[in-house]
Amino acid sequence: MFKNFKSVDRCVIGKGAYNQLGEILEKRRIASDDYIVFIVDKVFENGLTNIKQRIPSKPNDIVIYADVNDHEPTTEQVDEIRDSILANKNSLLPAGIVGIGGGSIMDIAKATALMVTNEGSSQLYQGLNLIKNSGIWHCGVPTIAGTGAEVSMTAVLTGPTKKLGLKCDWTIFDQVILDPEVVADVPTDQWFYTGMDSYIHCVESLTGTLNNEFSRAFGEKSLLLCQEVYLNDNLTKLEKDEKLMIASYMGGLSLTYSEVGVCHALSYGLSYVFGYRHGIANCIAFDVLEDYYGDYVTEFRKMVTKHNVTLPKNLAKSWSNEEIERMVDTTIALEHMWNHAVGKDWKQKVSRDSIRKLFERM
């Protein structure tokens, strides 16, 4: 059975592309009471770059600054945003939702676009094709490159019992704007961790059992772009941002028609139990996976050294047995990732003890 692949409907790419956002949104404003919801990373509220001043909002619109600074997006956060929007407008649905920020904001925007048309908590819909009603039109404007959230069919949320995405065809953005000029300056470590998400997407997509010519075409090019960004000294910041933005998009397409693997399975455990952001969780996990990803881990470590990145070490010394077991529970439950990484017989090759040993190496 082949996947009936769904991708982003429309995408504007290039320097200055963000300037078209207002024009694009005008086509959504048909009735006099139509309004747009802008969900923006809170870091832009107080003047980081000029994003706040450039939001093409109108008096009837809603601008929400979402705080994702110290935690992954949660089901509770999405539910609160959904409820506040509908309460503010007497249950009138928005004409569209625009997410402006990093991967967390992309996921919140995608999830909110689904939840305004579906009853109950978003935690009820964590999984594959559990959403009952199609969402509303939504647009993603990434301001940091690497996550692939702008193109993926998953809105990853941490709930009371698990970290898992709202995953269906309706999750995917209807419109994406990729403009390297709106990529914000961030600390080197954050830039590295986020970009490595794209690198790891490609490694896991290309090395797994569900790989195919479509996923390879995107994954191989994305991997080359990541290598150029992180190993080439002759690129300007704008050139790096543009290449990494395209690598992120292509890496997201590659994994969508393939799958992620061991690193993401482990990182979900780290994020769920300790709240690590996805990018750094991936890097912590990938660093101990040479038995699975060989030369790619060696190259990753070369990139870490080249950019003087501080990768957390010896974390397991402070973890309790209960915490490690909870991470193992989260990780081993992600069967689709293990199936891709190891094969359909992965349960004969991977045990709770072997997963535990990987965590103990961190």
Protein backbone atom coordinates (compact mmCIF):
# COMPACT_ATOMS: atom_id res chain seq x y z
CA MET A 1 0.00 0.00 0.00
CA PHE A 2 1.49 3.34 -1.09
CA LYS A 3 0.96 6.59 0.77
CA ASN A 4 -1.44 8.98 -0.95
CA PHE A 5 0.96 11.85 -0.45
CA LYS A 6 -0.33 15.30 0.55
CA SER A 7 1.95 18.34 0.48
CA VAL A 8 1.74 22.10 1.07
CA ASP A 9 -0.67 23.66 -1.44
CA ARG A 10 1.25 26.87 -2.07
CA CYS A 11 4.74 28.09 -1.24
CA VAL A 12 6.48 31.44 -1.81
CA ILE A 13 10.27 31.16 -1.65
CA GLY A 14 13.00 33.78 -1.72
CA LYS A 15 14.39 36.96 -0.23
CA GLY A 16 11.53 39.41 0.32
CA ALA A 17 8.82 36.75 0.05
CA TYR A 18 7.35 37.83 3.40
CA ASN A 19 6.20 41.06 1.76
CA GLN A 20 3.50 39.07 -0.04
CA LEU A 21 1.81 37.89 3.16
CA GLY A 22 -0.64 40.81 3.31
CA GLU A 23 -1.66 40.31 -0.30
CA ILE A 24 -2.15 36.57 0.26
CA LEU A 25 -4.33 37.19 3.31
CA GLU A 26 -6.55 39.68 1.48
CA LYS A 27 -7.96 36.76 -0.51
CA ARG A 28 -9.13 35.21 2.78
CA ARG A 29 -10.99 38.37 3.88
CA ILE A 30 -14.27 37.96 1.99
CA ALA A 31 -17.00 38.97 4.48
CA SER A 32 -16.86 42.17 6.51
CA ASP A 33 -16.41 40.28 9.78
CA ASP A 34 -13.70 37.92 8.51
CA TYR A 35 -10.61 37.97 10.65
CA ILE A 36 -7.14 36.43 10.70
CA VAL A 37 -5.39 34.99 13.76
CA PHE A 38 -1.63 35.53 13.92
CA ILE A 39 0.17 33.19 16.33
CA VAL A 40 3.62 34.67 16.82
CA ASP A 41 6.60 33.60 18.91
CA LYS A 42 6.61 35.74 22.07
CA VAL A 43 10.29 36.63 21.54
CA PHE A 44 9.15 39.03 18.80
CA GLU A 45 6.77 40.92 21.09
CA ASN A 46 9.48 43.08 22.60
CA GLY A 47 11.48 44.05 19.55
CA LEU A 48 13.64 41.09 18.46
CA THR A 49 13.93 42.03 14.76
CA ASN A 50 11.08 44.04 13.21
CA ILE A 51 8.68 41.12 12.84
CA LYS A 52 6.11 42.73 15.18
CA GLN A 53 5.96 45.90 13.11
CA ARG A 54 5.64 43.91 9.87
CA ILE A 55 2.65 41.74 10.83
CA PRO A 56 -0.02 42.69 8.25
CA SER A 57 -2.86 42.66 10.78
CA LYS A 58 -6.07 44.67 10.59
CA PRO A 59 -8.26 46.00 13.45
CA ASN A 60 -10.54 42.95 13.39
CA ASP A 61 -7.66 40.48 13.56
CA ILE A 62 -6.22 38.71 16.62
CA VAL A 63 -2.48 38.63 17.33
CA ILE A 64 -1.40 36.07 19.92
CA TYR A 65 2.17 35.98 21.23
CA ALA A 66 2.75 32.38 22.29
CA ASP A 67 5.44 31.58 24.84
CA VAL A 68 7.51 28.59 23.73
CA ASN A 69 10.80 29.73 25.19
CA ASP A 70 11.28 27.07 27.83
CA HIS A 71 8.94 24.23 26.84
CA GLU A 72 7.65 22.23 23.90
CA PRO A 73 4.10 22.99 22.66
CA THR A 74 1.50 21.34 24.86
CA THR A 75 -2.06 20.16 24.37
CA GLU A 76 -3.11 22.49 27.18
CA GLN A 77 -1.54 25.47 25.43
CA VAL A 78 -3.30 24.71 22.15
CA ASP A 79 -6.63 24.20 23.93
CA GLU A 80 -6.29 27.56 25.70
CA ILE A 81 -5.46 29.38 22.46
CA ARG A 82 -8.40 27.75 20.67
CA ASP A 83 -10.81 28.63 23.48
CA SER A 84 -9.61 32.24 23.71
CA ILE A 85 -10.05 32.77 19.95
CA LEU A 86 -13.59 31.41 19.86
CA ALA A 87 -14.62 33.20 23.06
CA ASN A 88 -13.30 36.50 21.71
CA LYS A 89 -15.30 36.18 18.49
CA ASN A 90 -18.48 34.51 19.81
CA SER A 91 -17.52 31.19 18.16
CA LEU A 92 -17.09 32.76 14.69
CA LEU A 93 -14.29 30.82 12.99
CA PRO A 94 -11.24 32.71 11.74
CA ALA A 95 -10.77 33.12 8.00
CA GLY A 96 -7.25 31.84 8.52
CA ILE A 97 -4.45 31.24 10.99
CA VAL A 98 -0.87 32.38 10.41
CA GLY A 99 2.04 30.99 12.44
CA ILE A 100 5.18 33.16 12.59
CA GLY A 101 8.12 31.65 14.46
CA GLY A 102 10.10 28.45 14.83
CA GLY A 103 9.01 24.83 14.76
CA SER A 104 7.03 25.09 17.99
CA ILE A 105 4.95 27.96 16.63
CA MET A 106 4.44 26.04 13.38
CA ASP A 107 3.07 23.11 15.36
CA ILE A 108 0.82 25.32 17.50
CA ALA A 109 -0.59 27.05 14.43
CA LYS A 110 -1.27 23.75 12.67
CA ALA A 111 -2.89 22.25 15.77
CA THR A 112 -5.02 25.34 16.44
CA ALA A 113 -6.27 25.34 12.84
CA LEU A 114 -7.54 21.82 13.47
CA MET A 115 -8.89 22.34 16.96
CA VAL A 116 -11.18 25.30 16.15
CA THR A 117 -13.35 22.81 14.24
CA ASN A 118 -13.01 19.81 16.59
CA GLU A 119 -14.54 19.44 20.04
CA GLY A 120 -12.73 18.55 23.23
CA SER A 121 -9.07 18.65 24.15
CA SER A 122 -6.33 18.25 21.57
CA GLN A 123 -4.99 15.36 23.67
CA LEU A 124 -7.89 13.29 22.31
CA TYR A 125 -6.41 13.57 18.84
CA GLN A 126 -2.77 12.70 19.48
CA GLY A 127 -2.11 10.01 16.90
CA LEU A 128 -2.69 9.19 13.24
CA ASN A 129 -5.92 10.27 11.52
CA LEU A 130 -7.90 10.84 14.72
CA ILE A 131 -9.08 14.33 13.71
CA LYS A 132 -12.78 14.17 12.83
CA ASN A 133 -13.34 17.45 10.98
CA SER A 134 -11.11 19.32 8.55
CA GLY A 135 -9.48 22.42 9.96
CA ILE A 136 -9.38 25.94 8.55
CA TRP A 137 -6.92 27.58 6.14
CA HIS A 138 -3.52 28.10 7.74
CA CYS A 139 -0.17 29.57 6.74
CA GLY A 140 3.34 29.05 8.12
CA VAL A 141 6.15 31.63 8.16
CA PRO A 142 9.25 30.03 9.73
CA THR A 143 11.73 32.43 11.33
CA ILE A 144 14.35 29.78 12.06
CA ALA A 145 15.37 26.99 9.72
CA GLY A 146 15.71 23.27 10.32
CA THR A 147 12.64 21.80 11.96
CA GLY A 148 10.73 20.84 8.81
CA ALA A 149 7.50 21.65 10.69
CA GLU A 150 6.51 24.02 7.89
CA VAL A 151 5.98 21.08 5.54
CA SER A 152 5.20 18.10 7.78
CA MET A 153 1.77 16.55 8.31
CA THR A 154 2.30 16.42 12.08
CA ALA A 155 1.73 18.98 14.83
CA VAL A 156 3.78 17.56 17.69
CA LEU A 157 2.34 18.26 21.15
CA THR A 158 3.20 17.13 24.65
CA GLY A 159 0.12 16.01 26.56
CA PRO A 160 -0.52 14.71 30.07
CA THR A 161 0.37 11.12 29.13
CA LYS A 162 2.51 11.30 25.98
CA LYS A 163 4.36 13.39 23.42
CA LEU A 164 2.78 12.67 20.05
CA GLY A 165 1.56 14.56 17.02
CA LEU A 166 -1.84 15.41 15.62
CA LYS A 167 -1.18 13.73 12.29
CA CYS A 168 -3.42 13.78 9.23
CA ASP A 169 -3.66 15.35 5.77
CA TRP A 170 -5.51 18.34 7.23
CA THR A 171 -2.56 19.23 9.45
CA ILE A 172 -0.43 20.38 6.52
CA PHE A 173 -0.19 24.10 5.86
CA ASP A 174 -2.20 25.50 2.95
CA GLN A 175 0.42 28.20 2.43
CA VAL A 176 4.07 28.55 3.42
CA ILE A 177 6.33 31.58 3.05
CA LEU A 178 10.07 30.88 3.08
CA ASP A 179 12.02 34.14 3.36
CA PRO A 180 15.61 33.98 4.66
CA GLU A 181 15.44 37.69 5.45
CA VAL A 182 13.00 37.04 8.31
CA VAL A 183 15.22 34.41 9.93
CA ALA A 184 16.07 35.82 13.35
CA ASP A 185 19.55 36.00 14.82
CA VAL A 186 19.78 33.35 17.54
CA PRO A 187 22.64 32.05 19.69
CA THR A 188 24.99 29.66 17.87
CA ASP A 189 23.90 26.68 19.95
CA GLN A 190 20.21 27.22 19.14
CA TRP A 191 20.99 27.73 15.42
CA PHE A 192 23.00 24.50 15.48
CA TYR A 193 20.45 22.40 17.37
CA THR A 194 17.62 23.50 15.08
CA GLY A 195 19.59 22.94 11.89
CA MET A 196 20.70 19.52 13.06
CA ASP A 197 17.04 18.53 13.22
CA SER A 198 17.05 18.77 9.43
CA TYR A 199 20.35 16.89 9.17
CA ILE A 200 19.02 14.10 11.39
CA HIS A 201 15.72 13.99 9.48
CA CYS A 202 17.70 13.21 6.34
CA VAL A 203 19.99 10.63 7.96
CA GLU A 204 17.04 8.76 9.45
CA SER A 205 14.98 8.98 6.28
CA LEU A 206 17.81 7.78 4.04
CA THR A 207 18.97 4.88 6.21
CA GLY A 208 15.63 3.27 7.09
CA THR A 209 13.61 0.45 5.58
CA LEU A 210 10.80 2.69 4.27
CA ASN A 211 13.15 4.75 2.12
CA ASN A 212 12.28 5.16 -1.57
CA GLU A 213 13.35 7.19 -4.62
CA PHE A 214 11.07 10.09 -3.71
CA SER A 215 12.38 10.41 -0.15
CA ARG A 216 15.96 9.87 -1.34
CA ALA A 217 15.75 12.66 -3.90
CA PHE A 218 14.78 15.21 -1.25
CA GLY A 219 16.87 13.70 1.55
CA GLU A 220 20.13 13.55 -0.38
CA LYS A 221 19.90 17.17 -1.55
CA SER A 222 18.88 18.36 1.90
CA LEU A 223 21.81 16.53 3.45
CA LEU A 224 24.23 18.19 1.00
CA LEU A 225 22.82 21.60 1.88
CA CYS A 226 23.22 20.90 5.62
CA GLN A 227 26.82 19.80 5.07
CA GLU A 228 27.51 22.96 3.09
CA VAL A 229 26.01 25.19 5.78
CA TYR A 230 27.82 23.58 8.70
CA LEU A 231 31.17 22.74 7.07
CA ASN A 232 31.72 25.53 4.51
CA ASP A 233 33.44 28.66 5.83
CA ASN A 234 32.75 30.79 2.76
CA LEU A 235 29.03 31.46 3.15
CA THR A 236 27.41 34.65 4.43
CA LYS A 237 24.73 34.45 7.12
CA LEU A 238 22.01 35.15 4.55
CA GLU A 239 23.34 32.39 2.27
CA LYS A 240 23.41 29.96 5.19
CA ASP A 241 19.87 30.90 6.22
CA GLU A 242 18.55 30.43 2.69
CA LYS A 243 20.27 27.07 2.16
CA LEU A 244 19.19 25.80 5.57
CA MET A 245 15.62 26.94 4.96
CA ILE A 246 15.48 24.89 1.75
CA ALA A 247 17.21 21.97 3.49
CA SER A 248 14.55 22.10 6.19
CA TYR A 249 11.73 22.02 3.64
CA MET A 250 13.27 19.19 1.62
CA GLY A 251 14.19 17.23 4.75
CA GLY A 252 10.59 17.50 5.91
CA LEU A 253 9.37 16.15 2.57
CA SER A 254 11.88 13.32 2.73
CA LEU A 255 10.77 12.11 6.15
CA THR A 256 7.08 12.56 5.31
CA TYR A 257 7.32 9.97 2.56
CA SER A 258 9.77 7.87 4.57
CA GLU A 259 9.97 8.10 8.38
CA VAL A 260 12.21 9.17 11.24
CA GLY A 261 14.09 6.63 13.33
CA VAL A 262 15.96 5.81 16.52
CA CYS A 263 17.14 9.33 17.29
CA HIS A 264 13.64 10.80 17.22
CA ALA A 265 12.28 7.91 19.27
CA LEU A 266 14.88 8.60 21.97
CA SER A 267 14.45 12.37 21.79
CA TYR A 268 10.70 12.06 22.38
CA GLY A 269 11.55 10.31 25.65
CA LEU A 270 13.95 13.10 26.63
CA SER A 271 11.42 15.80 25.79
CA TYR A 272 8.50 14.11 27.49
CA VAL A 273 10.26 13.36 30.79
CA PHE A 274 12.64 16.31 31.08
CA GLY A 275 11.14 18.92 28.77
CA TYR A 276 14.15 19.21 26.47
CA ARG A 277 13.46 21.19 23.31
CA HIS A 278 13.28 18.98 20.25
CA GLY A 279 16.47 20.17 18.54
CA ILE A 280 18.77 19.75 21.52
CA ALA A 281 17.08 16.46 22.47
CA ASN A 282 17.87 15.14 19.00
CA CYS A 283 21.49 16.21 19.29
CA ILE A 284 21.92 14.60 22.72
CA ALA A 285 20.45 11.36 21.38
CA PHE A 286 22.26 11.35 18.03
CA ASP A 287 25.62 11.68 19.75
CA VAL A 288 25.30 8.14 21.20
CA LEU A 289 23.98 6.44 18.06
CA GLU A 290 27.14 5.51 16.16
CA ASP A 291 26.02 1.87 16.23
CA TYR A 292 23.00 2.87 14.15
CA TYR A 293 24.24 5.80 12.06
CA GLY A 294 28.01 5.29 11.89
CA ASP A 295 29.84 7.90 9.78
CA TYR A 296 26.97 10.35 10.09
CA VAL A 297 27.53 10.54 13.84
CA THR A 298 31.26 11.10 13.20
CA GLU A 299 30.40 13.96 10.84
CA PHE A 300 27.92 15.36 13.37
CA ARG A 301 30.63 15.45 16.03
CA LYS A 302 32.91 17.24 13.57
CA MET A 303 30.20 19.90 13.14
CA VAL A 304 29.80 20.20 16.92
CA THR A 305 33.53 20.84 17.31
CA LYS A 306 33.73 23.22 14.35
CA HIS A 307 31.02 25.49 15.74
CA ASN A 308 32.13 25.25 19.40
CA VAL A 309 28.71 23.96 20.38
CA THR A 310 28.18 22.97 24.00
CA LEU A 311 26.50 19.57 23.88
CA PRO A 312 25.25 18.39 27.31
CA LYS A 313 27.15 15.35 28.59
CA ASN A 314 26.92 12.91 31.51
CA LEU A 315 23.23 13.60 31.98
CA ALA A 316 22.35 10.06 32.99
CA LYS A 317 24.32 10.37 36.24
CA SER A 318 21.54 12.51 37.69
CA TRP A 319 18.59 10.51 36.33
CA SER A 320 16.62 8.23 38.62
CA ASN A 321 15.66 4.71 37.64
CA GLU A 322 12.02 5.81 37.43
CA GLU A 323 12.88 8.65 35.03
CA ILE A 324 14.86 6.35 32.75
CA GLU A 325 12.04 3.81 32.74
CA ARG A 326 9.54 6.50 31.76
CA MET A 327 11.78 7.51 28.86
CA VAL A 328 12.04 3.88 27.78
CA ASP A 329 8.23 3.60 27.93
CA THR A 330 7.85 6.63 25.66
CA THR A 331 10.54 5.51 23.25
CA ILE A 332 9.58 1.88 22.79
CA ALA A 333 5.95 2.84 22.17
CA LEU A 334 6.94 4.64 18.93
CA GLU A 335 6.71 1.46 16.90
CA HIS A 336 6.53 3.16 13.49
CA MET A 337 9.94 4.74 14.08
CA TRP A 338 11.55 1.45 15.14
CA ASN A 339 9.92 -0.37 12.25
CA HIS A 340 11.52 2.09 9.82
CA ALA A 341 14.92 2.18 11.50
CA VAL A 342 15.39 -1.52 12.21
CA GLY A 343 12.74 -3.44 10.26
CA LYS A 344 9.46 -5.22 10.90
CA ASP A 345 11.25 -7.66 13.18
CA TRP A 346 12.58 -4.85 15.37
CA LYS A 347 11.07 -6.38 18.52
CA GLN A 348 13.45 -9.32 18.12
CA LYS A 349 16.40 -6.93 17.81
CA VAL A 350 15.55 -4.15 20.24
CA SER A 351 14.74 -4.61 23.92
CA ARG A 352 13.91 -2.36 26.82
CA ASP A 353 17.38 -3.07 28.16
CA SER A 354 19.11 -2.02 24.92
CA ILE A 355 17.12 1.22 24.85
CA ARG A 356 17.92 1.83 28.50
CA LYS A 357 21.64 1.44 27.75
CA LEU A 358 21.41 4.12 25.09
CA PHE A 359 19.91 6.54 27.61
CA GLU A 360 22.59 5.61 30.13
CA ARG A 361 25.26 6.67 27.63
CA MET A 362 23.89 10.20 27.43
